[in-house]
Amino acid sequence: MIVPNPVCAGAPGGQGVTPWRFRRDTRRRARARDHLAHTLWSSDGARRLPTDAELVAAIGDCAPGDLWWVCEASSPGPVYFLPTVEWVQAFASHLEALGVETVLEVACGDGFLACCLASASPRLRVVATDSGAWGRAGGRMNADDRSRAPGVAFAGIRPGSEVLRLGALAAVAAHPSDVVLVSWAPPGRLVDRLIMAPDTKLLIEIGADGAICGNGTATWRFNKDFVEGPVEDLALCRLDADAANERHTRVTHYYGRGHEDFEITPRSRRLAF
């Protein structure tokens, strides 16, 4: 499945620069990176929705560090979470089981995930929003990111044509929804603030263990459920260089301030879907 995104035009390959880990590149490594890039993007730069098998095979052919490089340095812009056909179907089924009718994705970047979800479940009303703060590479990269590849002109994240330009908290107030979705939240305490927003009912965060995806120091305090099963097991992200054996994504339900189960410092549960 290819989801057109005209603002992401451009050849999907890397920057034409050897990845920083390699003093010498090889043709095999370059071919593997190119194959991975074309698994994630079409030839005109539109994001693709590959199958799990396609993406795992393409990642497995790459040398260590090259998954990060392709996700970071490809010309259409960086990618973090890597949806597949199977994962989108599992997540749509998960939302249907919860009785969800409306989804608001905040900090959505190019809007690809929201577009895939809307295509997989037409009965869902999905709104995608982003502030545009990461439109320039400097808005999203810290000093460590820049030091990995000095002199490389990395791209920012360009919102898709269906993405509404709104900050996350403003979007929650303007578009009340059954679920607020945030995938790979930016550094800081955005997730905490979203949970505390009066109009947030259920917040679903797609992230990774630790502080990689922007969790603040306070999310542990909130009533939440950790999602197990296909929604977590099938998820792939840019950390999964050994995707066939280990995956790093964690999916969490937080009960927001607008939900009857909102609570601070409760016990956490694990849900299997």
Protein backbone atom coordinates (compact mmCIF):
# COMPACT_ATOMS: atom_id res chain seq x y z
CA MET A 1 0.00 0.00 0.00
CA ILE A 2 1.31 3.46 -0.89
CA VAL A 3 -0.14 6.50 0.84
CA PRO A 4 0.56 9.56 -1.32
CA ASN A 5 2.12 12.49 0.44
CA PRO A 6 2.99 15.16 -2.15
CA VAL A 7 5.01 17.27 0.27
CA CYS A 8 7.51 14.43 0.71
CA ALA A 9 8.71 14.47 -2.89
CA GLY A 10 12.30 13.54 -3.56
CA ALA A 11 14.43 10.45 -4.03
CA PRO A 12 14.23 8.34 -0.88
CA GLY A 13 17.84 7.29 -0.72
CA GLY A 14 20.37 8.57 1.78
CA GLN A 15 22.21 11.86 1.55
CA GLY A 16 24.90 10.43 -0.68
CA VAL A 17 27.23 10.37 2.32
CA THR A 18 28.74 7.21 3.79
CA PRO A 19 27.16 6.51 7.19
CA TRP A 20 29.26 7.87 10.00
CA ARG A 21 30.06 4.45 11.47
CA PHE A 22 31.82 3.28 8.31
CA ARG A 23 35.24 4.50 7.31
CA ARG A 24 34.78 2.44 4.17
CA ASP A 25 31.47 1.58 2.60
CA THR A 26 30.73 -1.44 0.42
CA ARG A 27 28.40 -1.99 -2.50
CA ARG A 28 26.50 -4.61 -0.55
CA ARG A 29 25.90 -2.21 2.33
CA ALA A 30 24.83 0.53 -0.06
CA ARG A 31 22.42 -1.82 -1.86
CA ALA A 32 20.92 -2.92 1.46
CA ARG A 33 20.37 0.69 2.53
CA ASP A 34 18.80 1.49 -0.81
CA HIS A 35 16.50 -1.52 -0.54
CA LEU A 36 15.41 -0.45 2.95
CA ALA A 37 14.76 3.10 1.76
CA HIS A 38 12.62 1.83 -1.11
CA THR A 39 10.74 -0.40 1.33
CA LEU A 40 9.82 2.69 3.35
CA TRP A 41 9.30 5.17 0.47
CA SER A 42 8.16 4.96 -3.13
CA SER A 43 10.41 6.30 -5.89
CA ASP A 44 8.76 9.74 -5.70
CA GLY A 45 9.25 10.04 -1.95
CA ALA A 46 5.77 8.98 -0.78
CA ARG A 47 5.70 6.89 2.39
CA ARG A 48 4.93 3.20 1.81
CA LEU A 49 3.12 0.82 4.14
CA PRO A 50 5.12 -2.43 3.82
CA THR A 51 4.22 -5.81 5.20
CA ASP A 52 5.97 -6.97 8.35
CA ALA A 53 7.92 -9.58 6.40
CA GLU A 54 9.11 -7.03 3.83
CA LEU A 55 10.34 -4.58 6.43
CA VAL A 56 11.97 -7.15 8.71
CA ALA A 57 13.84 -8.64 5.73
CA ALA A 58 15.02 -5.22 4.54
CA ILE A 59 16.22 -4.27 8.02
CA GLY A 60 17.93 -7.63 8.45
CA ASP A 61 20.01 -7.11 5.31
CA CYS A 62 21.47 -3.86 6.65
CA ALA A 63 24.71 -3.46 8.55
CA PRO A 64 24.60 -2.28 12.19
CA GLY A 65 23.70 1.39 12.38
CA ASP A 66 22.19 1.58 8.92
CA LEU A 67 18.57 1.39 10.06
CA TRP A 68 19.16 4.58 12.04
CA TRP A 69 20.96 6.13 9.07
CA VAL A 70 18.19 5.42 6.56
CA CYS A 71 15.50 6.60 8.98
CA GLU A 72 17.43 9.77 9.78
CA ALA A 73 19.20 10.73 6.56
CA SER A 74 16.77 9.86 3.74
CA SER A 75 15.85 12.90 1.70
CA PRO A 76 12.06 12.90 2.30
CA GLY A 77 12.75 13.48 5.99
CA PRO A 78 13.26 11.45 9.16
CA VAL A 79 11.00 8.63 10.33
CA TYR A 80 10.74 7.16 13.82
CA PHE A 81 7.84 4.72 14.13
CA LEU A 82 7.60 2.29 11.19
CA PRO A 83 4.01 1.06 10.65
CA THR A 84 3.33 -2.11 8.69
CA VAL A 85 0.16 -3.52 7.14
CA GLU A 86 -0.20 -6.02 9.98
CA TRP A 87 0.39 -3.47 12.74
CA VAL A 88 -2.10 -0.95 11.34
CA GLN A 89 -4.74 -3.67 11.09
CA ALA A 90 -4.02 -4.79 14.67
CA PHE A 91 -4.21 -1.22 15.97
CA ALA A 92 -7.45 -0.51 14.10
CA SER A 93 -8.94 -3.68 15.62
CA HIS A 94 -7.70 -2.60 19.04
CA LEU A 95 -9.49 0.75 18.71
CA GLU A 96 -12.65 -0.95 17.48
CA ALA A 97 -12.59 -3.25 20.52
CA LEU A 98 -12.44 -0.17 22.72
CA GLY A 99 -15.46 1.33 20.95
CA VAL A 100 -13.46 4.27 19.66
CA GLU A 101 -15.05 6.44 16.97
CA THR A 102 -12.81 9.51 16.91
CA VAL A 103 -9.01 9.72 17.07
CA LEU A 104 -6.89 12.84 17.34
CA GLU A 105 -3.21 12.38 16.56
CA VAL A 106 -1.01 15.15 17.91
CA ALA A 107 2.64 15.84 17.03
CA CYS A 108 1.96 13.63 14.01
CA GLY A 109 4.81 14.81 11.78
CA ASP A 110 3.98 14.00 8.17
CA GLY A 111 0.62 12.47 9.12
CA PHE A 112 1.40 9.06 7.65
CA LEU A 113 0.22 7.04 10.64
CA ALA A 114 -3.12 8.87 10.80
CA CYS A 115 -3.59 8.39 7.05
CA CYS A 116 -2.92 4.65 7.31
CA LEU A 117 -5.30 4.28 10.23
CA ALA A 118 -8.09 6.13 8.45
CA SER A 119 -7.61 3.92 5.37
CA ALA A 120 -7.64 0.73 7.43
CA SER A 121 -10.79 1.64 9.37
CA PRO A 122 -13.05 4.00 7.36
CA ARG A 123 -15.57 4.20 10.21
CA LEU A 124 -12.98 5.96 12.36
CA ARG A 125 -12.80 9.74 12.15
CA VAL A 126 -9.10 10.54 12.37
CA VAL A 127 -7.73 14.08 12.70
CA ALA A 128 -3.97 14.64 12.32
CA THR A 129 -2.27 17.72 13.82
CA ASP A 130 1.26 18.99 14.23
CA SER A 131 2.78 22.29 15.33
CA GLY A 132 5.41 22.28 12.58
CA ALA A 133 8.16 22.86 15.15
CA TRP A 134 10.31 20.14 13.62
CA GLY A 135 10.04 21.52 10.10
CA ARG A 136 13.73 22.35 10.27
CA ALA A 137 16.34 19.78 11.30
CA GLY A 138 17.59 22.16 13.98
CA GLY A 139 14.21 21.99 15.67
CA ARG A 140 14.44 18.26 16.34
CA MET A 141 18.15 17.39 16.63
CA ASN A 142 20.17 17.71 19.80
CA ALA A 143 23.94 18.13 20.00
CA ASP A 144 24.52 14.37 20.10
CA ASP A 145 22.44 13.87 16.94
CA ARG A 146 24.46 16.50 15.09
CA SER A 147 27.79 15.13 16.28
CA ARG A 148 27.03 11.72 14.76
CA ALA A 149 27.34 13.04 11.21
CA PRO A 150 29.01 16.46 11.13
CA GLY A 151 28.40 18.41 7.96
CA VAL A 152 25.40 16.36 6.79
CA ALA A 153 22.38 18.50 5.87
CA PHE A 154 19.62 16.49 7.50
CA ALA A 155 16.00 17.28 6.66
CA GLY A 156 13.20 18.41 8.90
CA ILE A 157 9.73 16.87 9.06
CA ARG A 158 7.30 18.21 6.50
CA PRO A 159 3.61 17.86 7.39
CA GLY A 160 1.33 16.15 4.89
CA SER A 161 -1.41 17.97 3.07
CA GLU A 162 -4.09 16.67 5.48
CA VAL A 163 -2.24 17.69 8.64
CA LEU A 164 -3.70 20.61 10.58
CA ARG A 165 -1.09 23.04 11.89
CA LEU A 166 -1.89 23.05 15.62
CA GLY A 167 0.08 22.62 18.79
CA ALA A 168 -0.81 19.47 20.75
CA LEU A 169 -2.69 21.10 23.63
CA ALA A 170 -4.55 23.47 21.31
CA ALA A 171 -5.54 20.49 19.16
CA VAL A 172 -6.97 18.60 22.15
CA ALA A 173 -9.10 21.62 23.06
CA ALA A 174 -10.22 22.22 19.48
CA HIS A 175 -10.95 18.59 18.53
CA PRO A 176 -12.45 16.61 21.45
CA SER A 177 -11.95 12.91 20.66
CA ASP A 178 -12.35 9.47 22.18
CA VAL A 179 -8.60 8.92 21.90
CA VAL A 180 -5.61 11.25 21.76
CA LEU A 181 -2.77 9.46 19.96
CA VAL A 182 0.88 10.45 20.23
CA SER A 183 3.65 8.44 18.58
CA TRP A 184 7.28 9.09 19.50
CA ALA A 185 6.53 12.26 21.43
CA PRO A 186 9.19 14.98 21.30
CA PRO A 187 11.56 15.39 24.27
CA GLY A 188 10.07 17.07 27.30
CA ARG A 189 6.83 16.65 29.23
CA LEU A 190 4.29 16.80 26.43
CA VAL A 191 2.74 13.45 27.40
CA ASP A 192 2.31 14.63 30.99
CA ARG A 193 0.63 17.83 29.85
CA LEU A 194 -1.64 15.98 27.46
CA ILE A 195 -2.79 13.61 30.20
CA MET A 196 -3.62 16.59 32.41
CA ALA A 197 -5.53 18.45 29.68
CA PRO A 198 -9.22 18.72 30.68
CA ASP A 199 -10.44 17.39 27.32
CA THR A 200 -8.20 14.29 27.24
CA LYS A 201 -10.14 11.10 27.88
CA LEU A 202 -7.88 8.24 26.80
CA LEU A 203 -4.34 8.94 25.61
CA ILE A 204 -2.49 6.22 23.72
CA GLU A 205 1.26 6.68 23.59
CA ILE A 206 3.41 4.73 21.16
CA GLY A 207 6.99 4.93 22.32
CA ALA A 208 9.94 2.95 23.62
CA ASP A 209 11.40 2.04 26.99
CA GLY A 210 13.20 4.81 28.80
CA ALA A 211 13.18 8.49 27.96
CA ILE A 212 13.82 8.00 24.23
CA CYS A 213 10.41 9.19 23.11
CA GLY A 214 10.00 12.26 25.24
CA ASN A 215 8.38 10.94 28.38
CA GLY A 216 8.73 13.41 31.21
CA THR A 217 9.42 12.39 34.76
CA ALA A 218 5.78 12.34 35.84
CA THR A 219 4.04 9.79 33.59
CA TRP A 220 4.54 7.04 36.16
CA ARG A 221 2.09 8.88 38.43
CA PHE A 222 -0.93 8.50 36.16
CA ASN A 223 -3.44 5.68 35.93
CA LYS A 224 -2.44 3.60 32.93
CA ASP A 225 -2.55 0.21 31.26
CA PHE A 226 0.33 -1.36 29.36
CA VAL A 227 -0.90 -2.94 26.13
CA GLU A 228 0.30 -6.42 25.30
CA GLY A 229 -0.38 -8.58 22.27
CA PRO A 230 -0.24 -7.77 18.54
CA VAL A 231 -0.36 -3.98 18.98
CA GLU A 232 2.94 -4.13 20.82
CA ASP A 233 4.45 -7.32 19.38
CA LEU A 234 4.04 -6.26 15.73
CA ALA A 235 5.28 -2.70 16.19
CA LEU A 236 8.54 -1.65 14.52
CA CYS A 237 10.62 1.48 15.00
CA ARG A 238 14.01 2.87 14.14
CA LEU A 239 15.57 1.15 17.19
CA ASP A 240 14.80 -2.33 15.86
CA ALA A 241 18.02 -3.16 14.03
CA ASP A 242 17.52 -6.80 15.07
CA ALA A 243 13.80 -6.75 14.26
CA ALA A 244 13.54 -10.49 13.71
CA ASN A 245 14.49 -11.13 17.34
CA GLU A 246 13.80 -8.01 19.39
CA ARG A 247 11.43 -5.05 19.18
CA HIS A 248 11.48 -1.98 21.38
CA THR A 249 8.06 -0.35 21.02
CA ARG A 250 5.83 0.04 24.08
CA VAL A 251 2.17 1.03 23.84
CA THR A 252 0.52 2.61 26.88
CA HIS A 253 -3.03 3.74 27.67
CA TYR A 254 -3.19 6.75 29.98
CA TYR A 255 -6.51 7.75 31.48
CA GLY A 256 -6.64 11.49 30.96
CA ARG A 257 -8.19 14.15 33.11
CA GLY A 258 -11.45 13.93 31.17
CA HIS A 259 -11.83 10.18 31.83
CA GLU A 260 -13.71 8.72 34.78
CA ASP A 261 -10.70 6.50 35.59
CA PHE A 262 -8.25 9.39 35.79
CA GLU A 263 -6.12 9.00 38.88
CA ILE A 264 -2.65 9.93 40.08
CA THR A 265 -0.23 7.36 41.60
CA PRO A 266 -2.39 4.24 41.11
CA ARG A 267 -1.34 0.68 40.44
CA SER A 268 -0.61 -0.08 36.78
CA ARG A 269 -2.19 -3.01 34.99
CA ARG A 270 -1.30 -4.96 31.89
CA LEU A 271 -3.89 -5.49 29.17
CA ALA A 272 -3.69 -8.18 26.50
CA PHE A 273 -5.34 -7.37 23.15
